[in-house]
Amino acid sequence: MKADNEPALSLILGGARSGKSAYAEALAAQLGPRVLYVATAEALDEEMEARIAAHRAARPPAWTTLEAPLNVGAALRAHPTAAGADAILLDCLTLLVSNVLLVGDSDAPELDVESAWERVRAEVDGLVEAQRELGVDLIIVSNEVGWGVVPPYSLGRTYRDCLGWANQALARAADRVVLLVAGLPLDLKALPLARIEAGT
């Protein structure tokens, strides 16, 4: 059992507009004023530029932002304020997995699932290892995408599968997993059935 003062890994899950980012930001703020915010989104069009600008303006001015669409573990190790932060907040794993799958493959009709998962696995492992090395609380926001319809195209199905696997891997490693539904948090690892390990 982890002591209260030991750095924790928290995974915050939910659907679109479920309140997961607001919950994660409130959790980070509770841990202290020195928050390193890791943004994985890329401004590929005007709408995304506006969304990124709005999110940046809404964050506390004392927070530091690290834009890292790929290789986040390495970026955290190299960042000068990461080791001294009260918390690191990554928002979000959903876009990080998308970035991993699309790099170098934007023109491919479909992806090899095994190679795609290996790249996603390397990114997830890098995140967990960086958190352990830095000794800082890490909060990761991700979408639960398995409750919708099955995507009608191969890339969409591969993305859904890879993000689902990544969520499972992080949930196993995490000290706390919180599911947001309509803004209400549910602590999944506090449930009795969470003690039963399910296969992937």
N, C-alpha and C. Protein backbone atom coordinates (compact mmCIF):
# COMPACT_ATOMS: atom_id res chain seq x y z
N MET A 1 0.85 -1.21 0.00
CA MET A 1 0.00 0.00 0.00
C MET A 1 0.88 1.24 0.00
N LYS A 2 0.54 2.19 -0.87
CA LYS A 2 1.34 3.39 -1.02
C LYS A 2 1.05 4.38 0.11
N ALA A 3 2.13 4.97 0.67
CA ALA A 3 1.96 5.96 1.73
C ALA A 3 1.34 7.23 1.15
N ASP A 4 0.68 8.01 2.03
CA ASP A 4 -0.03 9.21 1.59
C ASP A 4 0.89 10.23 0.94
N ASN A 5 2.16 10.27 1.37
CA ASN A 5 3.07 11.30 0.85
C ASN A 5 3.86 10.83 -0.37
N GLU A 6 3.62 9.60 -0.83
CA GLU A 6 4.32 9.12 -2.01
C GLU A 6 3.62 9.61 -3.28
N PRO A 7 4.40 9.92 -4.33
CA PRO A 7 3.80 10.38 -5.58
C PRO A 7 2.86 9.32 -6.16
N ALA A 8 1.73 9.76 -6.66
CA ALA A 8 0.71 8.84 -7.17
C ALA A 8 0.48 9.07 -8.66
N LEU A 9 0.05 8.00 -9.32
CA LEU A 9 -0.37 8.06 -10.71
C LEU A 9 -1.89 7.94 -10.74
N SER A 10 -2.55 8.95 -11.31
CA SER A 10 -4.01 8.97 -11.38
C SER A 10 -4.46 8.99 -12.83
N LEU A 11 -5.43 8.13 -13.15
CA LEU A 11 -6.02 8.09 -14.48
C LEU A 11 -7.46 8.58 -14.37
N ILE A 12 -7.78 9.62 -15.15
CA ILE A 12 -9.12 10.22 -15.12
C ILE A 12 -9.79 9.92 -16.46
N LEU A 13 -10.84 9.12 -16.42
CA LEU A 13 -11.53 8.66 -17.63
C LEU A 13 -12.92 9.27 -17.74
N GLY A 14 -13.42 9.30 -18.97
CA GLY A 14 -14.79 9.76 -19.18
C GLY A 14 -15.06 9.94 -20.66
N GLY A 15 -16.31 10.15 -20.98
CA GLY A 15 -16.67 10.44 -22.36
C GLY A 15 -16.48 11.91 -22.67
N ALA A 16 -16.84 12.31 -23.88
CA ALA A 16 -16.74 13.71 -24.26
C ALA A 16 -17.66 14.56 -23.39
N ARG A 17 -17.14 15.69 -22.91
CA ARG A 17 -17.88 16.63 -22.08
C ARG A 17 -18.42 15.98 -20.79
N SER A 18 -17.66 15.05 -20.25
CA SER A 18 -18.08 14.37 -19.02
C SER A 18 -17.60 15.11 -17.78
N GLY A 19 -16.70 16.10 -17.96
CA GLY A 19 -16.16 16.82 -16.82
C GLY A 19 -14.80 16.32 -16.38
N LYS A 20 -14.18 15.44 -17.17
CA LYS A 20 -12.91 14.82 -16.75
C LYS A 20 -11.77 15.82 -16.68
N SER A 21 -11.67 16.74 -17.62
CA SER A 21 -10.58 17.72 -17.59
C SER A 21 -10.72 18.67 -16.40
N ALA A 22 -11.95 19.14 -16.16
CA ALA A 22 -12.17 20.03 -15.02
C ALA A 22 -11.83 19.33 -13.71
N TYR A 23 -12.20 18.06 -13.60
CA TYR A 23 -11.90 17.30 -12.39
C TYR A 23 -10.38 17.14 -12.24
N ALA A 24 -9.70 16.80 -13.33
CA ALA A 24 -8.25 16.61 -13.28
C ALA A 24 -7.53 17.91 -12.91
N GLU A 25 -8.00 19.03 -13.45
CA GLU A 25 -7.38 20.32 -13.13
C GLU A 25 -7.60 20.68 -11.66
N ALA A 26 -8.78 20.39 -11.13
CA ALA A 26 -9.04 20.66 -9.71
C ALA A 26 -8.17 19.78 -8.83
N LEU A 27 -7.98 18.53 -9.23
CA LEU A 27 -7.13 17.62 -8.48
C LEU A 27 -5.68 18.11 -8.48
N ALA A 28 -5.21 18.55 -9.65
CA ALA A 28 -3.84 19.06 -9.75
C ALA A 28 -3.65 20.29 -8.88
N ALA A 29 -4.64 21.18 -8.89
CA ALA A 29 -4.54 22.41 -8.09
C ALA A 29 -4.48 22.11 -6.61
N GLN A 30 -5.15 21.04 -6.18
CA GLN A 30 -5.12 20.67 -4.77
C GLN A 30 -3.72 20.21 -4.34
N LEU A 31 -2.95 19.70 -5.28
CA LEU A 31 -1.63 19.16 -4.95
C LEU A 31 -0.57 20.25 -4.78
N GLY A 32 -0.85 21.46 -5.25
CA GLY A 32 0.08 22.56 -5.08
C GLY A 32 0.06 23.50 -6.26
N PRO A 33 0.70 24.66 -6.14
CA PRO A 33 0.63 25.67 -7.20
C PRO A 33 1.55 25.38 -8.40
N ARG A 34 2.57 24.56 -8.18
CA ARG A 34 3.54 24.31 -9.26
C ARG A 34 3.09 23.11 -10.09
N VAL A 35 2.26 23.39 -11.09
CA VAL A 35 1.71 22.34 -11.94
C VAL A 35 2.32 22.46 -13.33
N LEU A 36 2.79 21.33 -13.85
CA LEU A 36 3.27 21.26 -15.22
C LEU A 36 2.17 20.63 -16.05
N TYR A 37 1.61 21.41 -16.96
CA TYR A 37 0.50 20.96 -17.80
C TYR A 37 1.07 20.47 -19.12
N VAL A 38 0.85 19.19 -19.43
CA VAL A 38 1.37 18.60 -20.67
C VAL A 38 0.23 18.54 -21.68
N ALA A 39 0.35 19.32 -22.74
CA ALA A 39 -0.67 19.39 -23.78
C ALA A 39 -0.25 18.53 -24.97
N THR A 40 -1.10 17.59 -25.37
CA THR A 40 -0.76 16.70 -26.48
C THR A 40 -1.43 17.12 -27.79
N ALA A 41 -2.31 18.12 -27.74
CA ALA A 41 -3.02 18.56 -28.95
C ALA A 41 -2.10 19.35 -29.86
N GLU A 42 -2.35 19.22 -31.15
CA GLU A 42 -1.63 20.01 -32.15
C GLU A 42 -2.63 20.91 -32.87
N ALA A 43 -2.21 22.15 -33.12
CA ALA A 43 -3.09 23.12 -33.78
C ALA A 43 -3.03 22.90 -35.30
N LEU A 44 -3.83 21.96 -35.78
CA LEU A 44 -3.80 21.61 -37.20
C LEU A 44 -4.81 22.40 -38.03
N ASP A 45 -5.73 23.11 -37.37
CA ASP A 45 -6.68 23.96 -38.10
C ASP A 45 -7.09 25.12 -37.19
N GLU A 46 -7.88 26.03 -37.72
CA GLU A 46 -8.25 27.23 -36.98
C GLU A 46 -9.10 26.90 -35.75
N GLU A 47 -9.99 25.92 -35.89
CA GLU A 47 -10.83 25.56 -34.75
C GLU A 47 -9.98 25.03 -33.59
N MET A 48 -9.00 24.17 -33.93
CA MET A 48 -8.14 23.62 -32.89
C MET A 48 -7.25 24.71 -32.29
N GLU A 49 -6.81 25.64 -33.10
CA GLU A 49 -6.03 26.77 -32.59
C GLU A 49 -6.84 27.55 -31.56
N ALA A 50 -8.12 27.78 -31.87
CA ALA A 50 -8.98 28.53 -30.95
C ALA A 50 -9.23 27.74 -29.67
N ARG A 51 -9.42 26.44 -29.79
CA ARG A 51 -9.64 25.61 -28.61
C ARG A 51 -8.41 25.61 -27.70
N ILE A 52 -7.24 25.47 -28.30
CA ILE A 52 -5.99 25.46 -27.53
C ILE A 52 -5.79 26.79 -26.82
N ALA A 53 -6.05 27.89 -27.54
CA ALA A 53 -5.89 29.22 -26.94
C ALA A 53 -6.85 29.42 -25.77
N ALA A 54 -8.09 28.93 -25.91
CA ALA A 54 -9.07 29.07 -24.84
C ALA A 54 -8.67 28.26 -23.62
N HIS A 55 -8.19 27.05 -23.84
CA HIS A 55 -7.74 26.20 -22.72
C HIS A 55 -6.54 26.83 -22.02
N ARG A 56 -5.62 27.38 -22.81
CA ARG A 56 -4.42 27.99 -22.23
C ARG A 56 -4.79 29.20 -21.38
N ALA A 57 -5.73 30.01 -21.88
CA ALA A 57 -6.14 31.20 -21.14
C ALA A 57 -6.88 30.86 -19.85
N ALA A 58 -7.55 29.70 -19.83
CA ALA A 58 -8.33 29.31 -18.65
C ALA A 58 -7.46 28.72 -17.54
N ARG A 59 -6.25 28.29 -17.88
CA ARG A 59 -5.40 27.68 -16.86
C ARG A 59 -4.79 28.75 -15.96
N PRO A 60 -4.51 28.40 -14.68
CA PRO A 60 -3.88 29.37 -13.78
C PRO A 60 -2.56 29.88 -14.37
N PRO A 61 -2.27 31.16 -14.24
CA PRO A 61 -1.07 31.73 -14.85
C PRO A 61 0.23 31.16 -14.28
N ALA A 62 0.18 30.61 -13.07
CA ALA A 62 1.39 30.05 -12.47
C ALA A 62 1.76 28.69 -13.05
N TRP A 63 0.83 28.06 -13.74
CA TRP A 63 1.11 26.74 -14.32
C TRP A 63 2.04 26.86 -15.51
N THR A 64 2.90 25.90 -15.67
CA THR A 64 3.81 25.83 -16.82
C THR A 64 3.22 24.86 -17.84
N THR A 65 3.29 25.22 -19.12
CA THR A 65 2.76 24.36 -20.17
C THR A 65 3.90 23.74 -20.97
N LEU A 66 3.81 22.45 -21.18
CA LEU A 66 4.73 21.71 -22.03
C LEU A 66 3.92 21.12 -23.18
N GLU A 67 4.22 21.54 -24.40
CA GLU A 67 3.53 20.98 -25.56
C GLU A 67 4.34 19.79 -26.06
N ALA A 68 3.74 18.61 -25.95
CA ALA A 68 4.45 17.38 -26.30
C ALA A 68 3.48 16.41 -26.97
N PRO A 69 3.34 16.49 -28.29
CA PRO A 69 2.41 15.59 -28.98
C PRO A 69 2.90 14.16 -29.07
N LEU A 70 4.20 13.94 -28.87
CA LEU A 70 4.80 12.60 -28.95
C LEU A 70 5.96 12.51 -27.96
N ASN A 71 6.36 11.26 -27.65
CA ASN A 71 7.52 11.02 -26.78
C ASN A 71 7.44 11.83 -25.49
N VAL A 72 6.30 11.70 -24.82
CA VAL A 72 6.04 12.53 -23.65
C VAL A 72 6.98 12.17 -22.49
N GLY A 73 7.27 10.89 -22.32
CA GLY A 73 8.17 10.49 -21.25
C GLY A 73 9.52 11.17 -21.35
N ALA A 74 10.09 11.16 -22.56
CA ALA A 74 11.38 11.81 -22.78
C ALA A 74 11.28 13.32 -22.59
N ALA A 75 10.16 13.90 -23.04
CA ALA A 75 9.97 15.35 -22.89
C ALA A 75 9.89 15.74 -21.41
N LEU A 76 9.25 14.90 -20.60
CA LEU A 76 9.15 15.19 -19.17
C LEU A 76 10.52 15.12 -18.50
N ARG A 77 11.30 14.10 -18.85
CA ARG A 77 12.64 13.96 -18.26
C ARG A 77 13.52 15.16 -18.60
N ALA A 78 13.33 15.72 -19.79
CA ALA A 78 14.17 16.82 -20.25
C ALA A 78 13.68 18.18 -19.77
N HIS A 79 12.44 18.26 -19.28
CA HIS A 79 11.89 19.56 -18.91
C HIS A 79 12.49 20.05 -17.58
N PRO A 80 12.91 21.31 -17.52
CA PRO A 80 13.62 21.79 -16.32
C PRO A 80 12.78 21.88 -15.06
N THR A 81 11.44 21.99 -15.19
CA THR A 81 10.61 22.14 -13.99
C THR A 81 9.89 20.87 -13.58
N ALA A 82 10.02 19.78 -14.36
CA ALA A 82 9.23 18.58 -14.10
C ALA A 82 9.52 17.98 -12.73
N ALA A 83 10.78 17.83 -12.39
CA ALA A 83 11.14 17.16 -11.14
C ALA A 83 10.71 17.96 -9.92
N GLY A 84 10.60 19.28 -10.05
CA GLY A 84 10.22 20.11 -8.91
C GLY A 84 8.76 20.48 -8.87
N ALA A 85 7.96 19.90 -9.77
CA ALA A 85 6.54 20.24 -9.82
C ALA A 85 5.78 19.57 -8.69
N ASP A 86 4.69 20.20 -8.27
CA ASP A 86 3.79 19.57 -7.31
C ASP A 86 2.95 18.49 -7.98
N ALA A 87 2.68 18.70 -9.26
CA ALA A 87 1.91 17.73 -10.04
C ALA A 87 2.18 17.95 -11.52
N ILE A 88 2.06 16.86 -12.26
CA ILE A 88 2.11 16.91 -13.72
C ILE A 88 0.74 16.45 -14.22
N LEU A 89 0.12 17.24 -15.08
CA LEU A 89 -1.19 16.92 -15.63
C LEU A 89 -1.08 16.76 -17.13
N LEU A 90 -1.37 15.57 -17.63
CA LEU A 90 -1.34 15.30 -19.07
C LEU A 90 -2.77 15.25 -19.59
N ASP A 91 -3.08 16.14 -20.52
CA ASP A 91 -4.41 16.21 -21.12
C ASP A 91 -4.23 16.36 -22.63
N CYS A 92 -4.37 15.27 -23.41
CA CYS A 92 -4.93 14.03 -22.94
C CYS A 92 -4.27 12.84 -23.65
N LEU A 93 -4.45 11.66 -23.07
CA LEU A 93 -3.95 10.42 -23.66
C LEU A 93 -4.66 10.13 -24.97
N THR A 94 -5.92 10.55 -25.08
CA THR A 94 -6.72 10.31 -26.28
C THR A 94 -6.03 10.84 -27.53
N LEU A 95 -5.56 12.08 -27.45
CA LEU A 95 -4.86 12.68 -28.59
C LEU A 95 -3.45 12.13 -28.74
N LEU A 96 -2.81 11.80 -27.64
CA LEU A 96 -1.47 11.22 -27.71
C LEU A 96 -1.48 9.92 -28.50
N VAL A 97 -2.45 9.05 -28.22
CA VAL A 97 -2.55 7.79 -28.97
C VAL A 97 -2.82 8.07 -30.44
N SER A 98 -3.69 9.03 -30.73
CA SER A 98 -3.96 9.40 -32.12
C SER A 98 -2.68 9.88 -32.81
N ASN A 99 -1.90 10.72 -32.12
CA ASN A 99 -0.65 11.21 -32.70
C ASN A 99 0.30 10.07 -32.99
N VAL A 100 0.39 9.11 -32.06
CA VAL A 100 1.29 7.97 -32.24
C VAL A 100 0.90 7.16 -33.47
N LEU A 101 -0.40 6.94 -33.64
CA LEU A 101 -0.86 6.12 -34.76
C LEU A 101 -0.69 6.81 -36.10
N LEU A 102 -0.86 8.13 -36.12
CA LEU A 102 -0.86 8.85 -37.40
C LEU A 102 0.52 9.28 -37.86
N VAL A 103 1.51 9.31 -36.99
CA VAL A 103 2.82 9.77 -37.41
C VAL A 103 3.39 8.85 -38.48
N GLY A 104 3.65 9.42 -39.63
CA GLY A 104 4.22 8.66 -40.73
C GLY A 104 3.24 7.75 -41.43
N ASP A 105 1.97 7.73 -40.99
CA ASP A 105 1.00 6.80 -41.56
C ASP A 105 -0.25 7.48 -42.08
N SER A 106 -0.19 8.80 -42.27
CA SER A 106 -1.40 9.53 -42.65
C SER A 106 -1.94 9.10 -44.01
N ASP A 107 -1.08 8.57 -44.89
CA ASP A 107 -1.53 8.17 -46.22
C ASP A 107 -1.80 6.67 -46.32
N ALA A 108 -1.54 5.93 -45.25
CA ALA A 108 -1.74 4.48 -45.28
C ALA A 108 -3.22 4.15 -45.19
N PRO A 109 -3.71 3.21 -46.01
CA PRO A 109 -5.14 2.86 -45.95
C PRO A 109 -5.52 2.19 -44.65
N GLU A 110 -4.60 1.44 -44.05
CA GLU A 110 -4.87 0.82 -42.76
C GLU A 110 -3.55 0.56 -42.05
N LEU A 111 -3.61 0.36 -40.75
CA LEU A 111 -2.43 0.16 -39.93
C LEU A 111 -2.32 -1.30 -39.52
N ASP A 112 -1.11 -1.75 -39.34
CA ASP A 112 -0.89 -3.05 -38.74
C ASP A 112 -1.14 -2.91 -37.24
N VAL A 113 -2.10 -3.67 -36.73
CA VAL A 113 -2.53 -3.50 -35.34
C VAL A 113 -1.40 -3.78 -34.37
N GLU A 114 -0.63 -4.83 -34.62
CA GLU A 114 0.43 -5.20 -33.69
C GLU A 114 1.51 -4.12 -33.60
N SER A 115 1.94 -3.59 -34.76
CA SER A 115 2.98 -2.55 -34.74
C SER A 115 2.43 -1.26 -34.13
N ALA A 116 1.15 -0.98 -34.39
CA ALA A 116 0.53 0.22 -33.81
C ALA A 116 0.51 0.10 -32.29
N TRP A 117 0.11 -1.07 -31.79
CA TRP A 117 0.05 -1.24 -30.34
C TRP A 117 1.43 -1.18 -29.71
N GLU A 118 2.45 -1.70 -30.40
CA GLU A 118 3.81 -1.64 -29.85
C GLU A 118 4.26 -0.18 -29.68
N ARG A 119 3.90 0.67 -30.62
CA ARG A 119 4.27 2.08 -30.51
C ARG A 119 3.50 2.76 -29.39
N VAL A 120 2.23 2.43 -29.27
CA VAL A 120 1.43 2.98 -28.17
C VAL A 120 1.96 2.47 -26.84
N ARG A 121 2.29 1.19 -26.77
CA ARG A 121 2.81 0.61 -25.53
C ARG A 121 4.11 1.31 -25.11
N ALA A 122 4.97 1.61 -26.08
CA ALA A 122 6.23 2.30 -25.77
C ALA A 122 5.96 3.68 -25.18
N GLU A 123 4.95 4.37 -25.70
CA GLU A 123 4.59 5.70 -25.19
C GLU A 123 4.06 5.60 -23.76
N VAL A 124 3.18 4.61 -23.52
CA VAL A 124 2.61 4.43 -22.18
C VAL A 124 3.70 4.04 -21.19
N ASP A 125 4.56 3.09 -21.57
CA ASP A 125 5.66 2.68 -20.68
C ASP A 125 6.57 3.86 -20.36
N GLY A 126 6.84 4.70 -21.37
CA GLY A 126 7.68 5.87 -21.15
C GLY A 126 7.08 6.84 -20.16
N LEU A 127 5.76 6.99 -20.20
CA LEU A 127 5.08 7.86 -19.24
C LEU A 127 5.21 7.34 -17.81
N VAL A 128 4.95 6.04 -17.63
CA VAL A 128 5.00 5.43 -16.30
C VAL A 128 6.41 5.49 -15.74
N GLU A 129 7.40 5.19 -16.59
CA GLU A 129 8.79 5.22 -16.14
C GLU A 129 9.23 6.63 -15.78
N ALA A 130 8.81 7.63 -16.56
CA ALA A 130 9.18 9.02 -16.28
C ALA A 130 8.60 9.46 -14.94
N GLN A 131 7.35 9.06 -14.67
CA GLN A 131 6.72 9.44 -13.39
C GLN A 131 7.48 8.84 -12.21
N ARG A 132 7.90 7.60 -12.36
CA ARG A 132 8.66 6.94 -11.29
C ARG A 132 10.01 7.60 -11.08
N GLU A 133 10.68 7.95 -12.17
CA GLU A 133 12.00 8.57 -12.07
C GLU A 133 11.91 9.98 -11.47
N LEU A 134 10.90 10.74 -11.87
CA LEU A 134 10.77 12.12 -11.41
C LEU A 134 10.23 12.19 -9.98
N GLY A 135 9.47 11.18 -9.56
CA GLY A 135 8.92 11.19 -8.21
C GLY A 135 7.89 12.29 -7.99
N VAL A 136 7.03 12.52 -9.01
CA VAL A 136 6.02 13.59 -8.96
C VAL A 136 4.65 12.97 -9.23
N ASP A 137 3.61 13.51 -8.60
CA ASP A 137 2.25 13.07 -8.90
C ASP A 137 1.94 13.32 -10.38
N LEU A 138 1.42 12.30 -11.05
CA LEU A 138 1.07 12.41 -12.46
C LEU A 138 -0.41 12.10 -12.63
N ILE A 139 -1.12 13.03 -13.27
CA ILE A 139 -2.55 12.88 -13.55
C ILE A 139 -2.71 12.80 -15.07
N ILE A 140 -3.34 11.74 -15.54
CA ILE A 140 -3.53 11.53 -16.98
C ILE A 140 -5.01 11.52 -17.29
N VAL A 141 -5.43 12.32 -18.25
CA VAL A 141 -6.82 12.38 -18.70
C VAL A 141 -6.95 11.56 -19.98
N SER A 142 -8.00 10.74 -20.05
CA SER A 142 -8.22 9.94 -21.25
C SER A 142 -9.71 9.74 -21.48
N ASN A 143 -10.07 9.49 -22.72
CA ASN A 143 -11.47 9.22 -23.08
C ASN A 143 -11.76 7.72 -23.01
N GLU A 144 -12.97 7.41 -22.59
CA GLU A 144 -13.49 6.05 -22.70
C GLU A 144 -14.25 5.98 -24.01
N VAL A 145 -13.67 5.29 -25.01
CA VAL A 145 -14.27 5.28 -26.35
C VAL A 145 -14.92 3.95 -26.70
N GLY A 146 -14.96 3.03 -25.76
CA GLY A 146 -15.48 1.70 -26.07
C GLY A 146 -16.98 1.55 -25.97
N TRP A 147 -17.69 2.61 -25.58
CA TRP A 147 -19.14 2.50 -25.37
C TRP A 147 -19.95 2.94 -26.59
N GLY A 148 -19.28 3.45 -27.61
CA GLY A 148 -20.00 3.92 -28.78
C GLY A 148 -20.12 2.82 -29.83
N VAL A 149 -20.51 3.23 -31.03
CA VAL A 149 -20.64 2.27 -32.13
C VAL A 149 -19.26 1.84 -32.61
N VAL A 150 -19.18 0.67 -33.21
CA VAL A 150 -17.92 0.20 -33.78
C VAL A 150 -17.59 1.05 -35.00
N PRO A 151 -16.39 1.66 -35.05
CA PRO A 151 -16.05 2.49 -36.20
C PRO A 151 -16.15 1.70 -37.51
N PRO A 152 -16.66 2.32 -38.58
CA PRO A 152 -16.87 1.59 -39.83
C PRO A 152 -15.62 1.46 -40.70
N TYR A 153 -14.48 1.96 -40.23
CA TYR A 153 -13.26 1.91 -41.03
C TYR A 153 -12.12 1.37 -40.18
N SER A 154 -11.11 0.82 -40.84
CA SER A 154 -10.03 0.10 -40.17
C SER A 154 -9.23 0.97 -39.21
N LEU A 155 -8.87 2.18 -39.65
CA LEU A 155 -8.08 3.06 -38.79
C LEU A 155 -8.84 3.40 -37.52
N GLY A 156 -10.13 3.64 -37.63
CA GLY A 156 -10.94 3.95 -36.45
C GLY A 156 -10.99 2.78 -35.48
N ARG A 157 -11.12 1.56 -36.01
CA ARG A 157 -11.15 0.39 -35.14
C ARG A 157 -9.80 0.17 -34.46
N THR A 158 -8.71 0.39 -35.21
CA THR A 158 -7.38 0.24 -34.61
C THR A 158 -7.16 1.28 -33.53
N TYR A 159 -7.62 2.51 -33.78
CA TYR A 159 -7.49 3.57 -32.78
C TYR A 159 -8.28 3.23 -31.52
N ARG A 160 -9.53 2.79 -31.69
CA ARG A 160 -10.35 2.42 -30.54
C ARG A 160 -9.67 1.31 -29.74
N ASP A 161 -9.15 0.30 -30.42
CA ASP A 161 -8.50 -0.82 -29.74
C ASP A 161 -7.26 -0.36 -28.99
N CYS A 162 -6.42 0.45 -29.66
CA CYS A 162 -5.16 0.89 -29.04
C CYS A 162 -5.42 1.79 -27.83
N LEU A 163 -6.40 2.68 -27.94
CA LEU A 163 -6.70 3.54 -26.79
C LEU A 163 -7.28 2.71 -25.65
N GLY A 164 -8.12 1.73 -25.97
CA GLY A 164 -8.65 0.85 -24.93
C GLY A 164 -7.54 0.09 -24.23
N TRP A 165 -6.60 -0.43 -24.98
CA TRP A 165 -5.46 -1.15 -24.38
C TRP A 165 -4.62 -0.21 -23.52
N ALA A 166 -4.38 1.01 -24.03
CA ALA A 166 -3.59 1.98 -23.27
C ALA A 166 -4.28 2.34 -21.96
N ASN A 167 -5.60 2.55 -22.01
CA ASN A 167 -6.34 2.84 -20.78
C ASN A 167 -6.22 1.69 -19.78
N GLN A 168 -6.31 0.46 -20.27
CA GLN A 168 -6.19 -0.70 -19.38
C GLN A 168 -4.80 -0.77 -18.76
N ALA A 169 -3.76 -0.55 -19.57
CA ALA A 169 -2.39 -0.62 -19.07
C ALA A 169 -2.16 0.45 -18.00
N LEU A 170 -2.63 1.66 -18.25
CA LEU A 170 -2.45 2.73 -17.26
C LEU A 170 -3.31 2.50 -16.02
N ALA A 171 -4.50 1.94 -16.21
CA ALA A 171 -5.36 1.65 -15.06
C ALA A 171 -4.70 0.63 -14.13
N ARG A 172 -4.02 -0.35 -14.71
CA ARG A 172 -3.33 -1.33 -13.88
C ARG A 172 -2.19 -0.69 -13.10
N ALA A 173 -1.48 0.24 -13.74
CA ALA A 173 -0.34 0.89 -13.09
C ALA A 173 -0.75 2.00 -12.13
N ALA A 174 -1.95 2.53 -12.31
CA ALA A 174 -2.38 3.71 -11.56
C ALA A 174 -2.74 3.38 -10.11
N ASP A 175 -2.52 4.35 -9.25
CA ASP A 175 -2.95 4.24 -7.85
C ASP A 175 -4.42 4.60 -7.72
N ARG A 176 -4.91 5.44 -8.63
CA ARG A 176 -6.31 5.87 -8.57
C ARG A 176 -6.83 5.97 -10.00
N VAL A 177 -8.04 5.43 -10.21
CA VAL A 177 -8.71 5.52 -11.51
C VAL A 177 -10.10 6.08 -11.25
N VAL A 178 -10.39 7.24 -11.84
CA VAL A 178 -11.66 7.92 -11.61
C VAL A 178 -12.42 8.02 -12.93
N LEU A 179 -13.66 7.57 -12.93
CA LEU A 179 -14.53 7.67 -14.09
C LEU A 179 -15.50 8.82 -13.86
N LEU A 180 -15.57 9.76 -14.82
CA LEU A 180 -16.50 10.89 -14.75
C LEU A 180 -17.72 10.62 -15.61
N VAL A 181 -18.89 10.75 -15.01
CA VAL A 181 -20.15 10.62 -15.73
C VAL A 181 -21.00 11.83 -15.38
N ALA A 182 -21.33 12.66 -16.36
CA ALA A 182 -22.13 13.87 -16.14
C ALA A 182 -21.55 14.73 -15.03
N GLY A 183 -20.21 14.80 -15.00
CA GLY A 183 -19.54 15.64 -14.02
C GLY A 183 -19.35 15.02 -12.66
N LEU A 184 -19.86 13.79 -12.47
CA LEU A 184 -19.77 13.13 -11.17
C LEU A 184 -18.66 12.08 -11.20
N PRO A 185 -17.75 12.10 -10.21
CA PRO A 185 -16.62 11.16 -10.21
C PRO A 185 -16.95 9.85 -9.50
N LEU A 186 -16.48 8.76 -10.08
CA LEU A 186 -16.60 7.45 -9.47
C LEU A 186 -15.21 6.85 -9.35
N ASP A 187 -14.77 6.57 -8.12
CA ASP A 187 -13.44 6.02 -7.87
C ASP A 187 -13.48 4.51 -8.13
N LEU A 188 -12.99 4.09 -9.30
CA LEU A 188 -13.14 2.69 -9.71
C LEU A 188 -12.31 1.73 -8.87
N LYS A 189 -11.12 2.14 -8.46
CA LYS A 189 -10.26 1.23 -7.71
C LYS A 189 -10.72 1.07 -6.26
N ALA A 190 -11.65 1.90 -5.82
CA ALA A 190 -12.20 1.77 -4.48
C ALA A 190 -13.34 0.76 -4.43
N LEU A 191 -13.84 0.34 -5.61
CA LEU A 191 -14.92 -0.62 -5.66
C LEU A 191 -14.41 -2.02 -5.32
N PRO A 192 -15.20 -2.83 -4.62
CA PRO A 192 -14.75 -4.18 -4.25
C PRO A 192 -14.31 -5.03 -5.42
N LEU A 193 -15.04 -4.94 -6.53
CA LEU A 193 -14.73 -5.79 -7.68
C LEU A 193 -13.42 -5.38 -8.36
N ALA A 194 -12.90 -4.18 -8.04
CA ALA A 194 -11.64 -3.74 -8.64
C ALA A 194 -10.48 -4.61 -8.19
N ARG A 195 -10.68 -5.39 -7.13
CA ARG A 195 -9.61 -6.25 -6.64
C ARG A 195 -9.44 -7.48 -7.53
N ILE A 196 -10.43 -7.77 -8.35
CA ILE A 196 -10.35 -8.91 -9.26
C ILE A 196 -9.71 -8.43 -10.55
N GLU A 197 -8.58 -8.97 -10.91
CA GLU A 197 -7.87 -8.55 -12.12
C GLU A 197 -8.50 -9.21 -13.33
N ALA A 198 -8.93 -8.38 -14.27
CA ALA A 198 -9.53 -8.90 -15.50
C ALA A 198 -8.46 -8.99 -16.57
N GLY A 199 -8.64 -9.93 -17.49
CA GLY A 199 -7.72 -10.04 -18.61
C GLY A 199 -7.99 -8.95 -19.61
N THR A 200 -7.07 -8.76 -20.57
CA THR A 200 -7.22 -7.73 -21.58
C THR A 200 -7.73 -8.35 -22.87
